[in-house]
Amino acid sequence: MGGCTMFLDIFRTNPSVERGEEVRETAPALSLDDTFPYGDVGRGAVGEWVEYRITSAESAESLRIALVGVNPALVEIEQKRGTTVTRWLQELGPDGKIARSLVVEGKRAPTEQDLLHPPTQPKGAWPKVEELARSAEPVTIEKRTYPATRVESMMTSEEGRVSLETDWWCAEVPPFYADSPAGGLVKRTVDGHPAILLTGAGKDAVKSLAFPATISQ
């Protein structure tokens, strides 16, 4: 079961204003691990997208993930936190890792990110997952009912923190945020508290960002 939020406090937006017009500023390039932190976009079709509301004790945000190209896979991600909107265009290599990443915060100019290559962790190393129960349980969101599979798991972090995670998975949902054999994520609670909720899905996403052209020597 994959899927996490790309929590990047990238930079503060403070646009300069000159003669009543915003001046687009280029932010410094940022480093980013090349591990794609979400689900298996290879199981989706071009144009498919999902959107989630993600809440915790500290923050709330919406996250949209769309597959906008293949060969190579191109993924657009949009994160909204308060009034800040951050977008990414990421190209994934055959190994599923990020090969290129472009980031845009607000009205700043697009910035291509430097990629870091940390050692690959063994799959499923952390957190440790112990499945406790599994059953069929439909979930209704905004008048649509998803024929979901409910899975309760005990999660143990590397630091020894233990939590009860309950996930609802559905084969009708693209597995872009998180994936399982039962399909994409519909809903997640942690220790009984709402954590992640699917707020939309569709098949009409189009590419809106582009990498800068590379000049061969």
C-alpha atoms as a PDB file:
ATOM      1  CA  MET A   1       0.000   0.000   0.000  1.00  0.00           C
ATOM      2  CA  GLY A   2       1.761   3.099  -1.199  1.00  0.00           C
ATOM      3  CA  GLY A   3       0.944   6.726  -1.215  1.00  0.00           C
ATOM      4  CA  CYS A   4       2.107   9.741   0.714  1.00  0.00           C
ATOM      5  CA  THR A   5       1.956  13.469   0.295  1.00  0.00           C
ATOM      6  CA  MET A   6       4.749  15.385  -1.370  1.00  0.00           C
ATOM      7  CA  PHE A   7       5.172  17.769   1.552  1.00  0.00           C
ATOM      8  CA  LEU A   8       7.416  20.438   0.098  1.00  0.00           C
ATOM      9  CA  ASP A   9       7.426  23.842   1.739  1.00  0.00           C
ATOM     10  CA  ILE A  10       9.059  25.117  -1.379  1.00  0.00           C
ATOM     11  CA  PHE A  11       9.381  28.836  -0.978  1.00  0.00           C
ATOM     12  CA  ARG A  12       7.342  31.789   0.209  1.00  0.00           C
ATOM     13  CA  THR A  13       5.301  33.558  -2.431  1.00  0.00           C
ATOM     14  CA  ASN A  14       5.886  37.298  -2.334  1.00  0.00           C
ATOM     15  CA  PRO A  15       5.339  38.613  -5.875  1.00  0.00           C
ATOM     16  CA  SER A  16       6.768  42.008  -6.697  1.00  0.00           C
ATOM     17  CA  VAL A  17       4.353  44.468  -8.232  1.00  0.00           C
ATOM     18  CA  GLU A  18       5.468  47.059 -10.734  1.00  0.00           C
ATOM     19  CA  ARG A  19       3.087  49.369 -12.569  1.00  0.00           C
ATOM     20  CA  GLY A  20       0.178  47.265 -11.400  1.00  0.00           C
ATOM     21  CA  GLU A  21       1.532  44.051 -12.920  1.00  0.00           C
ATOM     22  CA  GLU A  22       3.008  41.050 -11.137  1.00  0.00           C
ATOM     23  CA  VAL A  23       6.627  40.328 -11.932  1.00  0.00           C
ATOM     24  CA  ARG A  24       7.253  36.621 -12.430  1.00  0.00           C
ATOM     25  CA  GLU A  25      10.258  35.597 -10.368  1.00  0.00           C
ATOM     26  CA  THR A  26      12.289  32.461 -10.903  1.00  0.00           C
ATOM     27  CA  ALA A  27      12.834  30.617  -7.631  1.00  0.00           C
ATOM     28  CA  PRO A  28      16.085  28.731  -6.994  1.00  0.00           C
ATOM     29  CA  ALA A  29      16.054  25.146  -8.224  1.00  0.00           C
ATOM     30  CA  LEU A  30      15.266  22.682  -5.471  1.00  0.00           C
ATOM     31  CA  SER A  31      16.533  19.197  -4.819  1.00  0.00           C
ATOM     32  CA  LEU A  32      14.105  16.299  -4.836  1.00  0.00           C
ATOM     33  CA  ASP A  33      14.524  12.585  -4.157  1.00  0.00           C
ATOM     34  CA  ASP A  34      14.002  10.589  -7.327  1.00  0.00           C
ATOM     35  CA  THR A  35      11.638   8.141  -5.611  1.00  0.00           C
ATOM     36  CA  PHE A  36       8.075   8.675  -6.862  1.00  0.00           C
ATOM     37  CA  PRO A  37       6.089   8.916  -3.602  1.00  0.00           C
ATOM     38  CA  TYR A  38       2.667   7.922  -4.886  1.00  0.00           C
ATOM     39  CA  GLY A  39       1.012   4.908  -6.521  1.00  0.00           C
ATOM     40  CA  ASP A  40       1.348   2.883  -9.702  1.00  0.00           C
ATOM     41  CA  VAL A  41       0.537   5.254 -12.574  1.00  0.00           C
ATOM     42  CA  GLY A  42       1.542   2.481 -14.990  1.00  0.00           C
ATOM     43  CA  ARG A  43      -1.826   0.853 -14.284  1.00  0.00           C
ATOM     44  CA  GLY A  44      -3.721   3.894 -15.557  1.00  0.00           C
ATOM     45  CA  ALA A  45      -4.674   5.346 -18.931  1.00  0.00           C
ATOM     46  CA  VAL A  46      -3.646   8.722 -20.312  1.00  0.00           C
ATOM     47  CA  GLY A  47      -6.136  11.359 -19.195  1.00  0.00           C
ATOM     48  CA  GLU A  48      -7.115   9.642 -15.951  1.00  0.00           C
ATOM     49  CA  TRP A  49      -6.880  11.686 -12.763  1.00  0.00           C
ATOM     50  CA  VAL A  50      -7.758  11.492  -9.078  1.00  0.00           C
ATOM     51  CA  GLU A  51      -8.175  14.192  -6.451  1.00  0.00           C
ATOM     52  CA  TYR A  52      -8.058  13.842  -2.670  1.00  0.00           C
ATOM     53  CA  ARG A  53      -8.629  15.878   0.459  1.00  0.00           C
ATOM     54  CA  ILE A  54      -5.839  15.162   2.936  1.00  0.00           C
ATOM     55  CA  THR A  55      -6.167  16.216   6.564  1.00  0.00           C
ATOM     56  CA  SER A  56      -4.055  15.919   9.692  1.00  0.00           C
ATOM     57  CA  ALA A  57      -3.831  17.646  13.049  1.00  0.00           C
ATOM     58  CA  GLU A  58      -1.412  20.169  11.544  1.00  0.00           C
ATOM     59  CA  SER A  59      -2.709  20.862   8.038  1.00  0.00           C
ATOM     60  CA  ALA A  60      -5.248  20.297   5.298  1.00  0.00           C
ATOM     61  CA  GLU A  61      -4.734  20.243   1.552  1.00  0.00           C
ATOM     62  CA  SER A  62      -6.075  18.934  -1.714  1.00  0.00           C
ATOM     63  CA  LEU A  63      -3.985  16.864  -4.081  1.00  0.00           C
ATOM     64  CA  ARG A  64      -4.656  16.050  -7.738  1.00  0.00           C
ATOM     65  CA  ILE A  65      -2.631  13.490  -9.706  1.00  0.00           C
ATOM     66  CA  ALA A  66      -3.094  13.023 -13.455  1.00  0.00           C
ATOM     67  CA  LEU A  67      -1.441  10.813 -16.041  1.00  0.00           C
ATOM     68  CA  VAL A  68      -0.901  13.083 -19.067  1.00  0.00           C
ATOM     69  CA  GLY A  69       1.534  11.062 -21.192  1.00  0.00           C
ATOM     70  CA  VAL A  70       3.175   7.675 -21.723  1.00  0.00           C
ATOM     71  CA  ASN A  71       6.473   6.436 -23.131  1.00  0.00           C
ATOM     72  CA  PRO A  72       7.759   8.047 -21.003  1.00  0.00           C
ATOM     73  CA  ALA A  73       5.092   8.362 -18.328  1.00  0.00           C
ATOM     74  CA  LEU A  74       4.267  12.001 -17.584  1.00  0.00           C
ATOM     75  CA  VAL A  75       2.438  12.882 -14.386  1.00  0.00           C
ATOM     76  CA  GLU A  76       1.030  16.255 -13.368  1.00  0.00           C
ATOM     77  CA  ILE A  77       0.470  16.892  -9.667  1.00  0.00           C
ATOM     78  CA  GLU A  78      -1.355  19.846  -8.154  1.00  0.00           C
ATOM     79  CA  GLN A  79      -1.263  20.596  -4.427  1.00  0.00           C
ATOM     80  CA  LYS A  80      -3.409  23.271  -2.778  1.00  0.00           C
ATOM     81  CA  ARG A  81      -2.613  24.431   0.751  1.00  0.00           C
ATOM     82  CA  GLY A  82      -4.578  27.439   1.847  1.00  0.00           C
ATOM     83  CA  THR A  83      -4.028  30.038  -0.865  1.00  0.00           C
ATOM     84  CA  THR A  84      -0.849  28.399  -2.162  1.00  0.00           C
ATOM     85  CA  VAL A  85      -1.059  26.263  -5.295  1.00  0.00           C
ATOM     86  CA  THR A  86       1.970  24.224  -6.330  1.00  0.00           C
ATOM     87  CA  ARG A  87       2.169  22.131  -9.495  1.00  0.00           C
ATOM     88  CA  TRP A  88       4.651  19.544 -10.715  1.00  0.00           C
ATOM     89  CA  LEU A  89       5.291  17.866 -14.035  1.00  0.00           C
ATOM     90  CA  GLN A  90       7.250  14.657 -13.526  1.00  0.00           C
ATOM     91  CA  GLU A  91       8.671  12.236 -16.052  1.00  0.00           C
ATOM     92  CA  LEU A  92       9.069   8.686 -14.776  1.00  0.00           C
ATOM     93  CA  GLY A  93      11.698   6.281 -16.025  1.00  0.00           C
ATOM     94  CA  PRO A  94      11.205   2.569 -16.784  1.00  0.00           C
ATOM     95  CA  ASP A  95      12.140   1.814 -13.164  1.00  0.00           C
ATOM     96  CA  GLY A  96       9.325   4.026 -11.872  1.00  0.00           C
ATOM     97  CA  LYS A  97      11.713   6.629 -10.493  1.00  0.00           C
ATOM     98  CA  ILE A  98      11.504  10.325 -11.302  1.00  0.00           C
ATOM     99  CA  ALA A  99      13.720  11.155 -14.285  1.00  0.00           C
ATOM    100  CA  ARG A 100      12.789  14.858 -14.532  1.00  0.00           C
ATOM    101  CA  SER A 101      10.735  17.167 -12.345  1.00  0.00           C
ATOM    102  CA  LEU A 102       9.417  20.656 -13.017  1.00  0.00           C
ATOM    103  CA  VAL A 103       7.814  22.701 -10.225  1.00  0.00           C
ATOM    104  CA  VAL A 104       5.648  25.834 -10.350  1.00  0.00           C
ATOM    105  CA  GLU A 105       4.510  27.636  -7.218  1.00  0.00           C
ATOM    106  CA  GLY A 106       1.740  30.149  -7.693  1.00  0.00           C
ATOM    107  CA  LYS A 107       2.640  32.540 -10.503  1.00  0.00           C
ATOM    108  CA  ARG A 108       6.370  31.978 -10.314  1.00  0.00           C
ATOM    109  CA  ALA A 109       8.178  30.811 -13.408  1.00  0.00           C
ATOM    110  CA  PRO A 110       8.597  27.023 -13.783  1.00  0.00           C
ATOM    111  CA  THR A 111      11.792  25.644 -12.245  1.00  0.00           C
ATOM    112  CA  GLU A 112      13.354  22.291 -13.094  1.00  0.00           C
ATOM    113  CA  GLN A 113      14.439  20.476  -9.956  1.00  0.00           C
ATOM    114  CA  ASP A 114      17.725  18.765  -9.231  1.00  0.00           C
ATOM    115  CA  LEU A 115      17.248  15.077  -8.468  1.00  0.00           C
ATOM    116  CA  LEU A 116      18.894  13.221  -5.614  1.00  0.00           C
ATOM    117  CA  HIS A 117      19.456   9.478  -5.753  1.00  0.00           C
ATOM    118  CA  PRO A 118      19.244   8.035  -2.236  1.00  0.00           C
ATOM    119  CA  PRO A 119      19.888   4.333  -1.683  1.00  0.00           C
ATOM    120  CA  THR A 120      16.850   2.248  -2.550  1.00  0.00           C
ATOM    121  CA  GLN A 121      15.076   0.943   0.528  1.00  0.00           C
ATOM    122  CA  PRO A 122      13.832  -2.655   0.502  1.00  0.00           C
ATOM    123  CA  LYS A 123      10.158  -2.730  -0.520  1.00  0.00           C
ATOM    124  CA  GLY A 124       7.954  -2.782   2.552  1.00  0.00           C
ATOM    125  CA  ALA A 125      10.831  -2.098   4.976  1.00  0.00           C
ATOM    126  CA  TRP A 126       8.977   0.671   6.840  1.00  0.00           C
ATOM    127  CA  PRO A 127       6.397   0.999   8.072  1.00  0.00           C
ATOM    128  CA  LYS A 128       5.770  -2.580   9.118  1.00  0.00           C
ATOM    129  CA  VAL A 129       2.231  -3.560   8.162  1.00  0.00           C
ATOM    130  CA  GLU A 130       0.145  -6.226   9.899  1.00  0.00           C
ATOM    131  CA  GLU A 131      -3.245  -6.787   8.276  1.00  0.00           C
ATOM    132  CA  LEU A 132      -5.944  -7.326  10.891  1.00  0.00           C
ATOM    133  CA  ALA A 133      -9.178  -7.584   8.919  1.00  0.00           C
ATOM    134  CA  ARG A 134     -10.541  -7.424   5.371  1.00  0.00           C
ATOM    135  CA  SER A 135     -14.133  -7.199   4.176  1.00  0.00           C
ATOM    136  CA  ALA A 136     -16.358  -5.797   1.433  1.00  0.00           C
ATOM    137  CA  GLU A 137     -17.780  -2.409   2.424  1.00  0.00           C
ATOM    138  CA  PRO A 138     -19.171   0.094  -0.109  1.00  0.00           C
ATOM    139  CA  VAL A 139     -18.314   3.782   0.358  1.00  0.00           C
ATOM    140  CA  THR A 140     -20.616   6.581  -0.796  1.00  0.00           C
ATOM    141  CA  ILE A 141     -19.050   9.965  -1.618  1.00  0.00           C
ATOM    142  CA  GLU A 142     -21.020  12.799  -3.229  1.00  0.00           C
ATOM    143  CA  LYS A 143     -23.878  10.472  -4.273  1.00  0.00           C
ATOM    144  CA  ARG A 144     -21.520   7.951  -5.903  1.00  0.00           C
ATOM    145  CA  THR A 145     -21.105   4.541  -4.310  1.00  0.00           C
ATOM    146  CA  TYR A 146     -17.793   2.718  -4.697  1.00  0.00           C
ATOM    147  CA  PRO A 147     -17.780  -1.100  -4.282  1.00  0.00           C
ATOM    148  CA  ALA A 148     -14.813  -0.997  -1.946  1.00  0.00           C
ATOM    149  CA  THR A 149     -12.709  -3.470   0.003  1.00  0.00           C
ATOM    150  CA  ARG A 150     -12.113  -2.360   3.611  1.00  0.00           C
ATOM    151  CA  VAL A 151      -8.716  -3.284   5.067  1.00  0.00           C
ATOM    152  CA  GLU A 152      -7.651  -2.679   8.686  1.00  0.00           C
ATOM    153  CA  SER A 153      -3.909  -2.751   9.369  1.00  0.00           C
ATOM    154  CA  MET A 154      -1.600  -2.136  12.296  1.00  0.00           C
ATOM    155  CA  MET A 155       1.221   0.164  11.190  1.00  0.00           C
ATOM    156  CA  THR A 156       4.540   0.333  13.047  1.00  0.00           C
ATOM    157  CA  SER A 157       7.001   3.068  12.100  1.00  0.00           C
ATOM    158  CA  GLU A 158      10.776   2.814  12.233  1.00  0.00           C
ATOM    159  CA  GLU A 159      10.625   4.915  15.415  1.00  0.00           C
ATOM    160  CA  GLY A 160       8.260   2.414  17.022  1.00  0.00           C
ATOM    161  CA  ARG A 161       5.067   4.469  16.671  1.00  0.00           C
ATOM    162  CA  VAL A 162       2.012   2.245  16.272  1.00  0.00           C
ATOM    163  CA  SER A 163      -1.245   3.301  14.602  1.00  0.00           C
ATOM    164  CA  LEU A 164      -4.397   1.664  13.258  1.00  0.00           C
ATOM    165  CA  GLU A 165      -4.929   2.447   9.584  1.00  0.00           C
ATOM    166  CA  THR A 166      -8.159   1.623   7.791  1.00  0.00           C
ATOM    167  CA  ASP A 167      -8.193   1.827   4.001  1.00  0.00           C
ATOM    168  CA  TRP A 168     -10.993   1.425   1.484  1.00  0.00           C
ATOM    169  CA  TRP A 169      -9.815   0.290  -1.972  1.00  0.00           C
ATOM    170  CA  CYS A 170     -11.759   0.094  -5.229  1.00  0.00           C
ATOM    171  CA  ALA A 171     -10.881  -1.256  -8.681  1.00  0.00           C
ATOM    172  CA  GLU A 172     -12.848   1.620 -10.272  1.00  0.00           C
ATOM    173  CA  VAL A 173     -10.403   4.204  -8.869  1.00  0.00           C
ATOM    174  CA  PRO A 174      -7.084   4.841 -10.680  1.00  0.00           C
ATOM    175  CA  PRO A 175      -4.265   3.727  -8.328  1.00  0.00           C
ATOM    176  CA  PHE A 176      -2.347   6.980  -8.691  1.00  0.00           C
ATOM    177  CA  TYR A 177      -2.175   8.170  -5.072  1.00  0.00           C
ATOM    178  CA  ALA A 178      -1.811   4.710  -3.560  1.00  0.00           C
ATOM    179  CA  ASP A 179      -2.300   1.237  -4.957  1.00  0.00           C
ATOM    180  CA  SER A 180      -3.187  -2.257  -3.841  1.00  0.00           C
ATOM    181  CA  PRO A 181      -4.322  -5.445  -5.576  1.00  0.00           C
ATOM    182  CA  ALA A 182      -7.879  -4.294  -4.777  1.00  0.00           C
ATOM    183  CA  GLY A 183      -7.448  -1.041  -6.734  1.00  0.00           C
ATOM    184  CA  GLY A 184      -6.964   2.621  -5.922  1.00  0.00           C
ATOM    185  CA  LEU A 185      -7.568   4.366  -2.616  1.00  0.00           C
ATOM    186  CA  VAL A 186     -11.056   5.699  -1.847  1.00  0.00           C
ATOM    187  CA  LYS A 187     -10.713   6.600   1.818  1.00  0.00           C
ATOM    188  CA  ARG A 188      -8.275   6.316   4.729  1.00  0.00           C
ATOM    189  CA  THR A 189      -8.609   6.839   8.459  1.00  0.00           C
ATOM    190  CA  VAL A 190      -5.798   6.742  11.019  1.00  0.00           C
ATOM    191  CA  ASP A 191      -6.703   5.784  14.587  1.00  0.00           C
ATOM    192  CA  GLY A 192     -10.305   6.499  13.662  1.00  0.00           C
ATOM    193  CA  HIS A 193      -9.647  10.044  12.423  1.00  0.00           C
ATOM    194  CA  PRO A 194     -10.268  11.106   8.788  1.00  0.00           C
ATOM    195  CA  ALA A 195      -6.988  11.298   6.881  1.00  0.00           C
ATOM    196  CA  ILE A 196      -7.592  10.933   3.123  1.00  0.00           C
ATOM    197  CA  LEU A 197     -10.795  11.103   1.088  1.00  0.00           C
ATOM    198  CA  LEU A 198     -11.305  10.796  -2.656  1.00  0.00           C
ATOM    199  CA  THR A 199     -13.070  13.951  -3.850  1.00  0.00           C
ATOM    200  CA  GLY A 200     -12.988  13.408  -7.599  1.00  0.00           C
ATOM    201  CA  ALA A 201     -11.825  11.234 -10.469  1.00  0.00           C
ATOM    202  CA  GLY A 202     -12.072  11.436 -14.228  1.00  0.00           C
ATOM    203  CA  LYS A 203     -10.607  10.684 -17.634  1.00  0.00           C
ATOM    204  CA  ASP A 204     -10.283  14.146 -19.187  1.00  0.00           C
ATOM    205  CA  ALA A 205      -6.924  15.414 -17.927  1.00  0.00           C
ATOM    206  CA  VAL A 206      -4.733  17.220 -20.451  1.00  0.00           C
ATOM    207  CA  LYS A 207      -1.090  18.244 -20.261  1.00  0.00           C
ATOM    208  CA  SER A 208      -0.701  21.855 -19.079  1.00  0.00           C
ATOM    209  CA  LEU A 209       3.028  22.027 -18.251  1.00  0.00           C
ATOM    210  CA  ALA A 210       6.107  21.343 -20.364  1.00  0.00           C
ATOM    211  CA  PHE A 211       9.780  20.795 -19.703  1.00  0.00           C
ATOM    212  CA  PRO A 212      12.161  23.353 -21.179  1.00  0.00           C
ATOM    213  CA  ALA A 213      13.752  22.183 -24.417  1.00  0.00           C
ATOM    214  CA  THR A 214      17.196  20.657 -24.061  1.00  0.00           C
ATOM    215  CA  ILE A 215      19.927  21.806 -26.430  1.00  0.00           C
ATOM    216  CA  SER A 216      22.285  19.103 -27.629  1.00  0.00           C
ATOM    217  CA  GLN A 217      25.938  20.021 -27.872  1.00  0.00           C
END
